[in-house]
C-alpha atoms as a PDB file:
ATOM      1  CA  MET A   1    -145.217 102.426-160.934  1.00  0.00           C
ATOM      2  CA  ARG A   2    -142.401 104.979-160.838  1.00  0.00           C
ATOM      3  CA  LYS A   3    -143.601 107.177-163.714  1.00  0.00           C
ATOM      4  CA  PHE A   4    -146.912 108.728-162.725  1.00  0.00           C
ATOM      5  CA  SER A   5    -147.887 111.862-164.602  1.00  0.00           C
ATOM      6  CA  THR A   6    -149.895 114.795-163.311  1.00  0.00           C
ATOM      7  CA  ALA A   7    -152.658 113.916-165.782  1.00  0.00           C
ATOM      8  CA  ILE A   8    -152.900 110.377-164.419  1.00  0.00           C
ATOM      9  CA  CYS A   9    -152.921 111.631-160.816  1.00  0.00           C
ATOM     10  CA  VAL A  10    -155.777 113.985-161.614  1.00  0.00           C
ATOM     11  CA  ALA A  11    -157.622 111.292-163.568  1.00  0.00           C
ATOM     12  CA  VAL A  12    -157.404 108.820-160.678  1.00  0.00           C
ATOM     13  CA  VAL A  13    -158.749 111.372-158.229  1.00  0.00           C
ATOM     14  CA  ILE A  14    -161.552 112.404-160.593  1.00  0.00           C
ATOM     15  CA  VAL A  15    -162.696 108.854-161.264  1.00  0.00           C
ATOM     16  CA  ILE A  16    -162.646 107.782-157.622  1.00  0.00           C
ATOM     17  CA  ILE A  17    -164.277 110.884-156.181  1.00  0.00           C
ATOM     18  CA  ALA A  18    -166.898 110.798-158.912  1.00  0.00           C
ATOM     19  CA  ALA A  19    -167.633 107.188-158.015  1.00  0.00           C
ATOM     20  CA  LEU A  20    -167.968 107.932-154.296  1.00  0.00           C
ATOM     21  CA  SER A  21    -169.524 111.376-154.093  1.00  0.00           C
ATOM     22  CA  PRO A  22    -173.311 111.848-154.424  1.00  0.00           C
ATOM     23  CA  VAL A  23    -172.669 115.512-155.150  1.00  0.00           C
ATOM     24  CA  ALA A  24    -170.428 114.568-158.049  1.00  0.00           C
ATOM     25  CA  LEU A  25    -173.060 112.272-159.457  1.00  0.00           C
ATOM     26  CA  ALA A  26    -175.500 115.185-159.545  1.00  0.00           C
ATOM     27  CA  GLN A  27    -173.113 117.316-161.541  1.00  0.00           C
ATOM     28  CA  SER A  28    -172.197 117.131-165.154  1.00  0.00           C
ATOM     29  CA  THR A  29    -168.821 115.518-165.779  1.00  0.00           C
ATOM     30  CA  ALA A  30    -167.417 118.699-167.240  1.00  0.00           C
ATOM     31  CA  SER A  31    -168.422 120.885-164.308  1.00  0.00           C
ATOM     32  CA  PHE A  32    -167.163 118.374-161.760  1.00  0.00           C
ATOM     33  CA  VAL A  33    -163.791 117.985-163.469  1.00  0.00           C
ATOM     34  CA  ALA A  34    -163.463 121.754-163.658  1.00  0.00           C
ATOM     35  CA  GLU A  35    -164.307 122.058-159.969  1.00  0.00           C
ATOM     36  CA  LEU A  36    -161.761 119.430-158.924  1.00  0.00           C
ATOM     37  CA  GLN A  37    -158.988 120.813-161.094  1.00  0.00           C
ATOM     38  CA  ALA A  38    -159.704 124.247-159.690  1.00  0.00           C
ATOM     39  CA  LYS A  39    -159.524 122.874-156.147  1.00  0.00           C
ATOM     40  CA  TYR A  40    -156.270 120.891-156.347  1.00  0.00           C
ATOM     41  CA  ARG A  41    -152.856 121.257-157.859  1.00  0.00           C
ATOM     42  CA  VAL A  42    -151.104 117.893-158.259  1.00  0.00           C
ATOM     43  CA  ILE A  43    -147.302 117.632-158.166  1.00  0.00           C
ATOM     44  CA  PRO A  44    -146.280 113.982-158.622  1.00  0.00           C
ATOM     45  CA  ASN A  45    -143.019 112.131-158.070  1.00  0.00           C
ATOM     46  CA  ILE A  46    -140.944 114.700-156.246  1.00  0.00           C
ATOM     47  CA  THR A  47    -137.659 113.156-155.114  1.00  0.00           C
ATOM     48  CA  TYR A  48    -137.320 113.891-151.399  1.00  0.00           C
ATOM     49  CA  LEU A  49    -134.357 111.588-150.810  1.00  0.00           C
ATOM     50  CA  THR A  50    -131.696 109.719-152.732  1.00  0.00           C
ATOM     51  CA  ALA A  51    -130.336 106.790-150.747  1.00  0.00           C
ATOM     52  CA  GLU A  52    -127.987 104.146-152.099  1.00  0.00           C
ATOM     53  CA  ASN A  53    -128.661 105.454-155.622  1.00  0.00           C
ATOM     54  CA  TYR A  54    -132.412 104.980-155.168  1.00  0.00           C
ATOM     55  CA  GLN A  55    -134.632 108.016-155.635  1.00  0.00           C
ATOM     56  CA  VAL A  56    -137.445 107.998-153.087  1.00  0.00           C
ATOM     57  CA  LYS A  57    -140.474 110.039-154.153  1.00  0.00           C
ATOM     58  CA  LEU A  58    -143.669 111.632-152.937  1.00  0.00           C
ATOM     59  CA  ASP A  59    -146.766 113.182-154.521  1.00  0.00           C
ATOM     60  CA  ILE A  60    -148.312 116.437-153.341  1.00  0.00           C
ATOM     61  CA  TYR A  61    -151.992 117.296-153.688  1.00  0.00           C
ATOM     62  CA  GLN A  62    -152.092 120.998-152.883  1.00  0.00           C
ATOM     63  CA  SER A  63    -155.357 122.735-152.103  1.00  0.00           C
ATOM     64  CA  ARG A  64    -155.900 125.886-154.157  1.00  0.00           C
ATOM     65  CA  ASP A  65    -158.613 127.211-151.828  1.00  0.00           C
ATOM     66  CA  ASN A  66    -156.388 130.006-150.573  1.00  0.00           C
ATOM     67  CA  SER A  67    -152.769 130.915-150.079  1.00  0.00           C
ATOM     68  CA  ALA A  68    -152.816 130.480-146.317  1.00  0.00           C
ATOM     69  CA  PRO A  69    -151.038 127.475-144.767  1.00  0.00           C
ATOM     70  CA  GLN A  70    -153.327 124.424-144.785  1.00  0.00           C
ATOM     71  CA  PRO A  71    -153.627 121.318-142.594  1.00  0.00           C
ATOM     72  CA  THR A  72    -151.782 118.511-144.328  1.00  0.00           C
ATOM     73  CA  LEU A  73    -151.944 114.729-144.277  1.00  0.00           C
ATOM     74  CA  MET A  74    -148.804 112.649-144.818  1.00  0.00           C
ATOM     75  CA  PHE A  75    -149.898 109.168-145.911  1.00  0.00           C
ATOM     76  CA  PHE A  76    -147.828 105.953-145.986  1.00  0.00           C
ATOM     77  CA  HIS A  77    -149.090 102.933-147.927  1.00  0.00           C
ATOM     78  CA  GLY A  78    -149.169  99.425-146.477  1.00  0.00           C
ATOM     79  CA  GLY A  79    -147.670  96.177-147.708  1.00  0.00           C
ATOM     80  CA  GLY A  80    -145.585  94.831-144.834  1.00  0.00           C
ATOM     81  CA  TRP A  81    -142.546  96.899-145.844  1.00  0.00           C
ATOM     82  CA  VAL A  82    -142.126  94.466-148.750  1.00  0.00           C
ATOM     83  CA  GLN A  83    -144.681  95.563-151.354  1.00  0.00           C
ATOM     84  CA  GLY A  84    -147.169  98.279-152.308  1.00  0.00           C
ATOM     85  CA  THR A  85    -147.060 101.663-154.023  1.00  0.00           C
ATOM     86  CA  LYS A  86    -148.108 105.151-153.080  1.00  0.00           C
ATOM     87  CA  GLU A  87    -150.432 105.210-156.092  1.00  0.00           C
ATOM     88  CA  SER A  88    -152.450 102.330-154.625  1.00  0.00           C
ATOM     89  CA  SER A  89    -153.419 104.535-151.673  1.00  0.00           C
ATOM     90  CA  VAL A  90    -155.586 107.080-153.481  1.00  0.00           C
ATOM     91  CA  PHE A  91    -158.812 105.638-152.049  1.00  0.00           C
ATOM     92  CA  SER A  92    -157.510 106.302-148.535  1.00  0.00           C
ATOM     93  CA  LEU A  93    -156.889 109.969-149.345  1.00  0.00           C
ATOM     94  CA  MET A  94    -160.473 110.742-150.361  1.00  0.00           C
ATOM     95  CA  PRO A  95    -161.800 111.897-146.962  1.00  0.00           C
ATOM     96  CA  TYR A  96    -158.997 114.452-146.719  1.00  0.00           C
ATOM     97  CA  PHE A  97    -159.659 115.769-150.225  1.00  0.00           C
ATOM     98  CA  GLU A  98    -163.263 116.206-149.151  1.00  0.00           C
ATOM     99  CA  MET A  99    -162.062 118.222-146.153  1.00  0.00           C
ATOM    100  CA  GLY A 100    -159.913 120.410-148.410  1.00  0.00           C
ATOM    101  CA  TRP A 101    -156.620 119.346-146.841  1.00  0.00           C
ATOM    102  CA  ASN A 102    -153.280 119.173-148.575  1.00  0.00           C
ATOM    103  CA  VAL A 103    -152.063 115.587-148.935  1.00  0.00           C
ATOM    104  CA  VAL A 104    -148.518 114.257-149.245  1.00  0.00           C
ATOM    105  CA  ASN A 105    -148.521 110.648-150.467  1.00  0.00           C
ATOM    106  CA  VAL A 106    -145.190 109.094-149.501  1.00  0.00           C
ATOM    107  CA  GLU A 107    -143.150 106.326-151.084  1.00  0.00           C
ATOM    108  CA  TYR A 108    -140.449 104.570-149.049  1.00  0.00           C
ATOM    109  CA  ARG A 109    -137.851 101.868-149.689  1.00  0.00           C
ATOM    110  CA  MET A 110    -139.113  98.281-149.712  1.00  0.00           C
ATOM    111  CA  ALA A 111    -137.155  95.403-148.182  1.00  0.00           C
ATOM    112  CA  ALA A 112    -135.926  94.371-151.648  1.00  0.00           C
ATOM    113  CA  VAL A 113    -134.185  97.744-151.906  1.00  0.00           C
ATOM    114  CA  ALA A 114    -133.054  98.178-148.295  1.00  0.00           C
ATOM    115  CA  LEU A 115    -133.781  96.305-145.063  1.00  0.00           C
ATOM    116  CA  ALA A 116    -134.862  97.908-141.794  1.00  0.00           C
ATOM    117  CA  PRO A 117    -134.515 100.591-140.606  1.00  0.00           C
ATOM    118  CA  ALA A 118    -134.550 102.163-144.104  1.00  0.00           C
ATOM    119  CA  ALA A 119    -138.339 102.647-144.387  1.00  0.00           C
ATOM    120  CA  VAL A 120    -138.434 104.333-140.974  1.00  0.00           C
ATOM    121  CA  GLU A 121    -135.550 106.603-141.932  1.00  0.00           C
ATOM    122  CA  ASP A 122    -137.380 107.497-145.144  1.00  0.00           C
ATOM    123  CA  GLY A 123    -140.513 108.512-143.239  1.00  0.00           C
ATOM    124  CA  ILE A 124    -138.506 110.850-141.049  1.00  0.00           C
ATOM    125  CA  CYS A 125    -136.733 112.276-144.102  1.00  0.00           C
ATOM    126  CA  ALA A 126    -140.083 112.831-145.813  1.00  0.00           C
ATOM    127  CA  LEU A 127    -141.287 114.778-142.776  1.00  0.00           C
ATOM    128  CA  ARG A 128    -138.120 116.856-142.812  1.00  0.00           C
ATOM    129  CA  TRP A 129    -138.593 117.573-146.527  1.00  0.00           C
ATOM    130  CA  VAL A 130    -142.239 118.553-146.012  1.00  0.00           C
ATOM    131  CA  THR A 131    -141.296 120.816-143.099  1.00  0.00           C
ATOM    132  CA  GLU A 132    -138.512 122.531-145.008  1.00  0.00           C
ATOM    133  CA  ASN A 133    -140.690 123.022-148.110  1.00  0.00           C
ATOM    134  CA  ALA A 134    -143.834 124.013-146.228  1.00  0.00           C
ATOM    135  CA  LYS A 135    -144.008 127.603-147.465  1.00  0.00           C
ATOM    136  CA  ARG A 136    -143.758 126.546-151.097  1.00  0.00           C
ATOM    137  CA  TYR A 137    -146.782 124.241-150.807  1.00  0.00           C
ATOM    138  CA  ASN A 138    -148.870 126.172-148.243  1.00  0.00           C
ATOM    139  CA  ILE A 139    -148.384 123.543-145.553  1.00  0.00           C
ATOM    140  CA  ASP A 140    -149.237 124.467-141.981  1.00  0.00           C
ATOM    141  CA  THR A 141    -146.397 122.844-140.028  1.00  0.00           C
ATOM    142  CA  THR A 142    -148.453 123.035-136.825  1.00  0.00           C
ATOM    143  CA  ARG A 143    -151.153 120.850-138.413  1.00  0.00           C
ATOM    144  CA  ILE A 144    -149.305 117.969-140.067  1.00  0.00           C
ATOM    145  CA  VAL A 145    -151.050 114.636-139.470  1.00  0.00           C
ATOM    146  CA  THR A 146    -149.453 111.303-140.358  1.00  0.00           C
ATOM    147  CA  SER A 147    -151.518 108.284-141.357  1.00  0.00           C
ATOM    148  CA  GLY A 148    -151.277 104.910-143.022  1.00  0.00           C
ATOM    149  CA  GLY A 149    -152.465 101.338-142.911  1.00  0.00           C
ATOM    150  CA  SER A 150    -150.605  98.259-141.643  1.00  0.00           C
ATOM    151  CA  ALA A 151    -146.895  98.890-142.338  1.00  0.00           C
ATOM    152  CA  GLY A 152    -148.003 102.394-143.296  1.00  0.00           C
ATOM    153  CA  GLY A 153    -149.666 102.792-139.895  1.00  0.00           C
ATOM    154  CA  HIS A 154    -146.384 101.724-138.316  1.00  0.00           C
ATOM    155  CA  LEU A 155    -144.510 104.358-140.346  1.00  0.00           C
ATOM    156  CA  ALA A 156    -147.080 107.019-139.481  1.00  0.00           C
ATOM    157  CA  LEU A 157    -146.379 106.267-135.812  1.00  0.00           C
ATOM    158  CA  THR A 158    -142.587 106.149-136.078  1.00  0.00           C
ATOM    159  CA  THR A 159    -142.460 109.321-138.167  1.00  0.00           C
ATOM    160  CA  ALA A 160    -144.447 111.134-135.501  1.00  0.00           C
ATOM    161  CA  MET A 161    -142.842 109.632-132.408  1.00  0.00           C
ATOM    162  CA  ILE A 162    -139.135 109.053-133.022  1.00  0.00           C
ATOM    163  CA  PRO A 163    -136.978 111.928-131.740  1.00  0.00           C
ATOM    164  CA  SER A 164    -133.868 113.215-133.474  1.00  0.00           C
ATOM    165  CA  SER A 165    -131.797 111.809-130.609  1.00  0.00           C
ATOM    166  CA  ALA A 166    -132.577 108.291-131.888  1.00  0.00           C
ATOM    167  CA  GLY A 167    -130.165 108.951-134.768  1.00  0.00           C
ATOM    168  CA  LEU A 168    -132.453 107.759-137.554  1.00  0.00           C
ATOM    169  CA  ASP A 169    -132.374 110.995-139.549  1.00  0.00           C
ATOM    170  CA  GLY A 170    -128.645 111.075-140.274  1.00  0.00           C
ATOM    171  CA  HIS A 171    -128.921 110.506-144.018  1.00  0.00           C
ATOM    172  CA  CYS A 172    -131.743 113.029-144.610  1.00  0.00           C
ATOM    173  CA  PRO A 173    -130.999 116.092-146.726  1.00  0.00           C
ATOM    174  CA  GLY A 174    -130.910 118.806-144.081  1.00  0.00           C
ATOM    175  CA  GLY A 175    -130.525 116.168-141.392  1.00  0.00           C
ATOM    176  CA  LYS A 176    -127.833 115.411-138.863  1.00  0.00           C
ATOM    177  CA  ALA A 177    -124.186 114.856-139.675  1.00  0.00           C
ATOM    178  CA  GLY A 178    -121.990 114.423-136.635  1.00  0.00           C
ATOM    179  CA  ASN A 179    -122.764 117.373-134.380  1.00  0.00           C
ATOM    180  CA  VAL A 180    -123.955 119.617-137.212  1.00  0.00           C
ATOM    181  CA  TYR A 181    -127.634 120.201-137.980  1.00  0.00           C
ATOM    182  CA  TRP A 182    -129.270 121.694-141.032  1.00  0.00           C
ATOM    183  CA  GLY A 183    -132.916 122.627-140.604  1.00  0.00           C
ATOM    184  CA  PRO A 184    -134.999 121.969-137.477  1.00  0.00           C
ATOM    185  CA  GLU A 185    -133.505 119.535-134.972  1.00  0.00           C
ATOM    186  CA  GLU A 186    -136.867 118.235-133.755  1.00  0.00           C
ATOM    187  CA  LEU A 187    -139.639 117.722-136.285  1.00  0.00           C
ATOM    188  CA  LYS A 188    -143.259 118.106-135.291  1.00  0.00           C
ATOM    189  CA  VAL A 189    -146.359 116.074-136.088  1.00  0.00           C
ATOM    190  CA  ALA A 190    -149.693 117.191-134.654  1.00  0.00           C
ATOM    191  CA  ALA A 191    -151.516 113.831-134.588  1.00  0.00           C
ATOM    192  CA  VAL A 192    -151.494 110.280-135.951  1.00  0.00           C
ATOM    193  CA  VAL A 193    -154.334 108.347-137.587  1.00  0.00           C
ATOM    194  CA  ASN A 194    -153.114 104.769-137.268  1.00  0.00           C
ATOM    195  CA  TRP A 195    -154.951 102.103-139.232  1.00  0.00           C
ATOM    196  CA  TYR A 196    -154.000  98.661-137.793  1.00  0.00           C
ATOM    197  CA  GLY A 197    -150.303  99.489-137.693  1.00  0.00           C
ATOM    198  CA  VAL A 198    -147.521  97.355-136.221  1.00  0.00           C
ATOM    199  CA  SER A 199    -146.455  98.729-132.840  1.00  0.00           C
ATOM    200  CA  ASP A 200    -143.966  96.005-131.826  1.00  0.00           C
ATOM    201  CA  VAL A 201    -141.738  94.914-134.713  1.00  0.00           C
ATOM    202  CA  ALA A 202    -139.974  92.182-132.729  1.00  0.00           C
ATOM    203  CA  ASP A 203    -143.356  90.516-132.189  1.00  0.00           C
ATOM    204  CA  VAL A 204    -143.872  89.997-135.929  1.00  0.00           C
ATOM    205  CA  MET A 205    -140.214  89.187-136.555  1.00  0.00           C
ATOM    206  CA  GLU A 206    -140.094  85.986-134.486  1.00  0.00           C
ATOM    207  CA  GLY A 207    -142.090  84.041-131.921  1.00  0.00           C
ATOM    208  CA  PRO A 208    -145.757  82.960-131.964  1.00  0.00           C
ATOM    209  CA  ASN A 209    -146.853  86.083-133.894  1.00  0.00           C
ATOM    210  CA  ARG A 210    -144.085  85.831-136.484  1.00  0.00           C
ATOM    211  CA  ARG A 211    -145.147  87.041-139.913  1.00  0.00           C
ATOM    212  CA  ILE A 212    -143.183  86.503-143.117  1.00  0.00           C
ATOM    213  CA  PHE A 213    -143.196  90.224-143.874  1.00  0.00           C
ATOM    214  CA  GLY A 214    -141.658  91.022-140.476  1.00  0.00           C
ATOM    215  CA  ALA A 215    -138.942  88.405-140.865  1.00  0.00           C
ATOM    216  CA  THR A 216    -138.249  89.584-144.416  1.00  0.00           C
ATOM    217  CA  TRP A 217    -137.914  93.258-143.459  1.00  0.00           C
ATOM    218  CA  LEU A 218    -135.302  92.454-140.793  1.00  0.00           C
ATOM    219  CA  GLY A 219    -133.662  89.782-142.951  1.00  0.00           C
ATOM    220  CA  GLY A 220    -130.490  88.218-141.648  1.00  0.00           C
ATOM    221  CA  LEU A 221    -129.167  91.338-139.938  1.00  0.00           C
ATOM    222  CA  GLU A 222    -126.898  90.362-137.055  1.00  0.00           C
ATOM    223  CA  ASN A 223    -128.351  93.060-134.792  1.00  0.00           C
ATOM    224  CA  ARG A 224    -131.920  92.606-135.922  1.00  0.00           C
ATOM    225  CA  LYS A 225    -133.332  92.397-132.384  1.00  0.00           C
ATOM    226  CA  GLU A 226    -131.862  95.790-131.558  1.00  0.00           C
ATOM    227  CA  ILE A 227    -133.069  97.239-134.862  1.00  0.00           C
ATOM    228  CA  ALA A 228    -136.552  95.855-134.206  1.00  0.00           C
ATOM    229  CA  ARG A 229    -136.559  97.683-130.872  1.00  0.00           C
ATOM    230  CA  ARG A 230    -135.335 100.908-132.496  1.00  0.00           C
ATOM    231  CA  VAL A 231    -138.100 100.897-135.116  1.00  0.00           C
ATOM    232  CA  SER A 232    -140.982  99.946-132.810  1.00  0.00           C
ATOM    233  CA  PRO A 233    -143.460 102.686-131.860  1.00  0.00           C
ATOM    234  CA  LEU A 234    -143.845 101.178-128.372  1.00  0.00           C
ATOM    235  CA  THR A 235    -140.193 102.033-127.731  1.00  0.00           C
ATOM    236  CA  TYR A 236    -140.935 105.753-128.061  1.00  0.00           C
ATOM    237  CA  VAL A 237    -144.140 106.141-126.053  1.00  0.00           C
ATOM    238  CA  ARG A 238    -143.579 109.012-123.628  1.00  0.00           C
ATOM    239  CA  PRO A 239    -145.340 112.153-122.428  1.00  0.00           C
ATOM    240  CA  GLY A 240    -145.549 114.765-125.168  1.00  0.00           C
ATOM    241  CA  VAL A 241    -145.802 112.563-128.239  1.00  0.00           C
ATOM    242  CA  PRO A 242    -148.649 113.519-130.609  1.00  0.00           C
ATOM    243  CA  PRO A 243    -152.223 112.371-130.001  1.00  0.00           C
ATOM    244  CA  VAL A 244    -152.963 109.019-131.640  1.00  0.00           C
ATOM    245  CA  ILE A 245    -156.215 107.508-132.870  1.00  0.00           C
ATOM    246  CA  SER A 246    -155.930 103.831-133.821  1.00  0.00           C
ATOM    247  CA  ILE A 247    -158.403 101.760-135.823  1.00  0.00           C
ATOM    248  CA  GLN A 248    -158.218  97.965-135.958  1.00  0.00           C
ATOM    249  CA  GLY A 249    -160.432  94.913-136.294  1.00  0.00           C
ATOM    250  CA  ASP A 250    -160.332  92.513-133.374  1.00  0.00           C
ATOM    251  CA  ALA A 251    -160.157  89.571-135.806  1.00  0.00           C
ATOM    252  CA  ASP A 252    -157.140  90.913-137.712  1.00  0.00           C
ATOM    253  CA  GLY A 253    -155.127  87.934-138.919  1.00  0.00           C
ATOM    254  CA  THR A 254    -152.200  89.936-140.312  1.00  0.00           C
ATOM    255  CA  VAL A 255    -151.254  92.405-137.582  1.00  0.00           C
ATOM    256  CA  PRO A 256    -152.266  91.073-134.159  1.00  0.00           C
ATOM    257  CA  TYR A 257    -155.038  93.163-132.578  1.00  0.00           C
ATOM    258  CA  SER A 258    -152.917  93.156-129.416  1.00  0.00           C
ATOM    259  CA  HIS A 259    -150.619  95.705-131.082  1.00  0.00           C
ATOM    260  CA  SER A 260    -153.318  98.389-130.938  1.00  0.00           C
ATOM    261  CA  VAL A 261    -154.379  97.319-127.444  1.00  0.00           C
ATOM    262  CA  ARG A 262    -150.826  97.492-126.092  1.00  0.00           C
ATOM    263  CA  LEU A 263    -150.180 100.820-127.797  1.00  0.00           C
ATOM    264  CA  HIS A 264    -153.399 102.250-126.363  1.00  0.00           C
ATOM    265  CA  ALA A 265    -152.462 101.069-122.859  1.00  0.00           C
ATOM    266  CA  ALA A 266    -148.938 102.491-123.099  1.00  0.00           C
ATOM    267  CA  LEU A 267    -150.194 105.856-124.357  1.00  0.00           C
ATOM    268  CA  GLU A 268    -152.769 105.975-121.560  1.00  0.00           C
ATOM    269  CA  LYS A 269    -150.072 105.271-118.977  1.00  0.00           C
ATOM    270  CA  ALA A 270    -147.909 108.065-120.419  1.00  0.00           C
ATOM    271  CA  GLY A 271    -150.821 110.512-120.384  1.00  0.00           C
ATOM    272  CA  VAL A 272    -150.893 110.891-124.173  1.00  0.00           C
ATOM    273  CA  PRO A 273    -154.327 111.754-125.658  1.00  0.00           C
ATOM    274  CA  ASN A 274    -155.406 108.756-127.694  1.00  0.00           C
ATOM    275  CA  LYS A 275    -158.356 106.647-128.762  1.00  0.00           C
ATOM    276  CA  LEU A 276    -158.752 103.045-129.927  1.00  0.00           C
ATOM    277  CA  LEU A 277    -161.587 102.300-132.336  1.00  0.00           C
ATOM    278  CA  THR A 278    -162.220  98.559-132.418  1.00  0.00           C
ATOM    279  CA  VAL A 279    -164.092  97.118-135.376  1.00  0.00           C
ATOM    280  CA  SER A 280    -165.912  94.119-133.958  1.00  0.00           C
ATOM    281  CA  GLY A 281    -165.192  91.068-136.089  1.00  0.00           C
ATOM    282  CA  GLY A 282    -163.113  93.190-138.442  1.00  0.00           C
ATOM    283  CA  GLY A 283    -160.096  91.766-140.230  1.00  0.00           C
ATOM    284  CA  HIS A 284    -157.035  93.493-141.633  1.00  0.00           C
ATOM    285  CA  GLY A 285    -158.821  96.497-143.100  1.00  0.00           C
ATOM    286  CA  ASN A 286    -161.405  95.973-145.840  1.00  0.00           C
ATOM    287  CA  PHE A 287    -164.112  96.651-143.287  1.00  0.00           C
ATOM    288  CA  LYS A 288    -167.767  96.694-144.274  1.00  0.00           C
ATOM    289  CA  ALA A 289    -168.691  99.729-146.334  1.00  0.00           C
ATOM    290  CA  SER A 290    -171.332 100.591-143.742  1.00  0.00           C
ATOM    291  CA  GLU A 291    -168.661 100.830-141.038  1.00  0.00           C
ATOM    292  CA  TYR A 292    -166.488 103.517-142.630  1.00  0.00           C
ATOM    293  CA  PRO A 293    -168.783 106.558-142.158  1.00  0.00           C
ATOM    294  CA  ALA A 294    -168.797 106.063-138.385  1.00  0.00           C
ATOM    295  CA  LEU A 295    -165.024 105.523-138.316  1.00  0.00           C
ATOM    296  CA  TYR A 296    -164.328 108.703-140.268  1.00  0.00           C
ATOM    297  CA  SER A 297    -166.797 110.602-138.106  1.00  0.00           C
ATOM    298  CA  GLU A 298    -164.751 109.532-135.073  1.00  0.00           C
ATOM    299  CA  ILE A 299    -161.524 110.541-136.812  1.00  0.00           C
ATOM    300  CA  ARG A 300    -162.887 113.968-137.703  1.00  0.00           C
ATOM    301  CA  ALA A 301    -164.095 114.440-134.122  1.00  0.00           C
ATOM    302  CA  PHE A 302    -160.651 113.455-132.826  1.00  0.00           C
ATOM    303  CA  LEU A 303    -158.895 115.890-135.162  1.00  0.00           C
ATOM    304  CA  THR A 304    -161.390 118.633-134.281  1.00  0.00           C
ATOM    305  CA  LYS A 305    -160.849 118.050-130.562  1.00  0.00           C
ATOM    306  CA  HIS A 306    -157.139 118.656-131.064  1.00  0.00           C
ATOM    307  CA  GLY A 307    -157.625 121.773-133.196  1.00  0.00           C
ATOM    308  CA  LEU A 308    -156.459 120.244-136.454  1.00  0.00           C
ATOM    309  CA  MET A 309    -159.397 120.628-138.796  1.00  0.00           C
ATOM    310  CA  LYS A 310    -159.369 123.078-141.668  1.00  0.00           C
ATOM    311  CA  ARG A 311    -160.959 126.383-140.739  1.00  0.00           C
ATOM    312  CA  GLY A 312    -164.699 126.262-141.347  1.00  0.00           C
ATOM    313  CA  ILE A 313    -164.847 122.418-141.579  1.00  0.00           C
END
């Protein structure tokens, strides 16, 4: 869905929050709609990158609470790098709307448009765009948190962890060209909320844990083993990367649970603050409704511990 109007964005948020929020249910529809519209400004389908004649877009949900820079979530949808839309992720944004955060909902190129490492490059370009446009949208660049589920969790990790020296930001507007830089050389993310993301791309590309989406994303590239290494979060674990909280079910049949376990162990070894929340018996997301409040409580505590919550939350 490439054409997504401001009215539709607002309508989706209104309907979903109204369905989930006990406070909303106690209000009249008119007063609740007025409150939400007063709280958020929605700017949909901003082109942050044009690559190979494809316009890659993002949506911004900007808090109107005040003009001071606000903590901001960058969210990447799932779909194995082969399917999905940013619009399908609105449910996942709800807790951050409740906290009054800004949200940037990011589209990236699917495998049908461009094979790996395109999606990873797009995530880095989106972060560069957000950083360079921070003042315009009241974004606190010291409190940018990346998040996503499955392939989106992978992109949240790579966007936060891959340094400029890896050479994956060369086609970004304001990125690197030869030895010339426009904008900040190193981009900063404050923390990652990783929902069952892929941490080792080679593992899902071939071998006993091969998944069709992993093989499809790498396609028939001659150097696909090297590309898989370059786009794997485990490749970039080192002291100083942002704190990471990972959430995964130990019965996940899509992304092996071992990906979160290995990532947790590597981050521990590197001395990186991190936490692994294991959902006992949980599959690939779609956990029990009763399990989400505790998970989000842990996430909020993690973000609070690292000084990333909105003032007064």
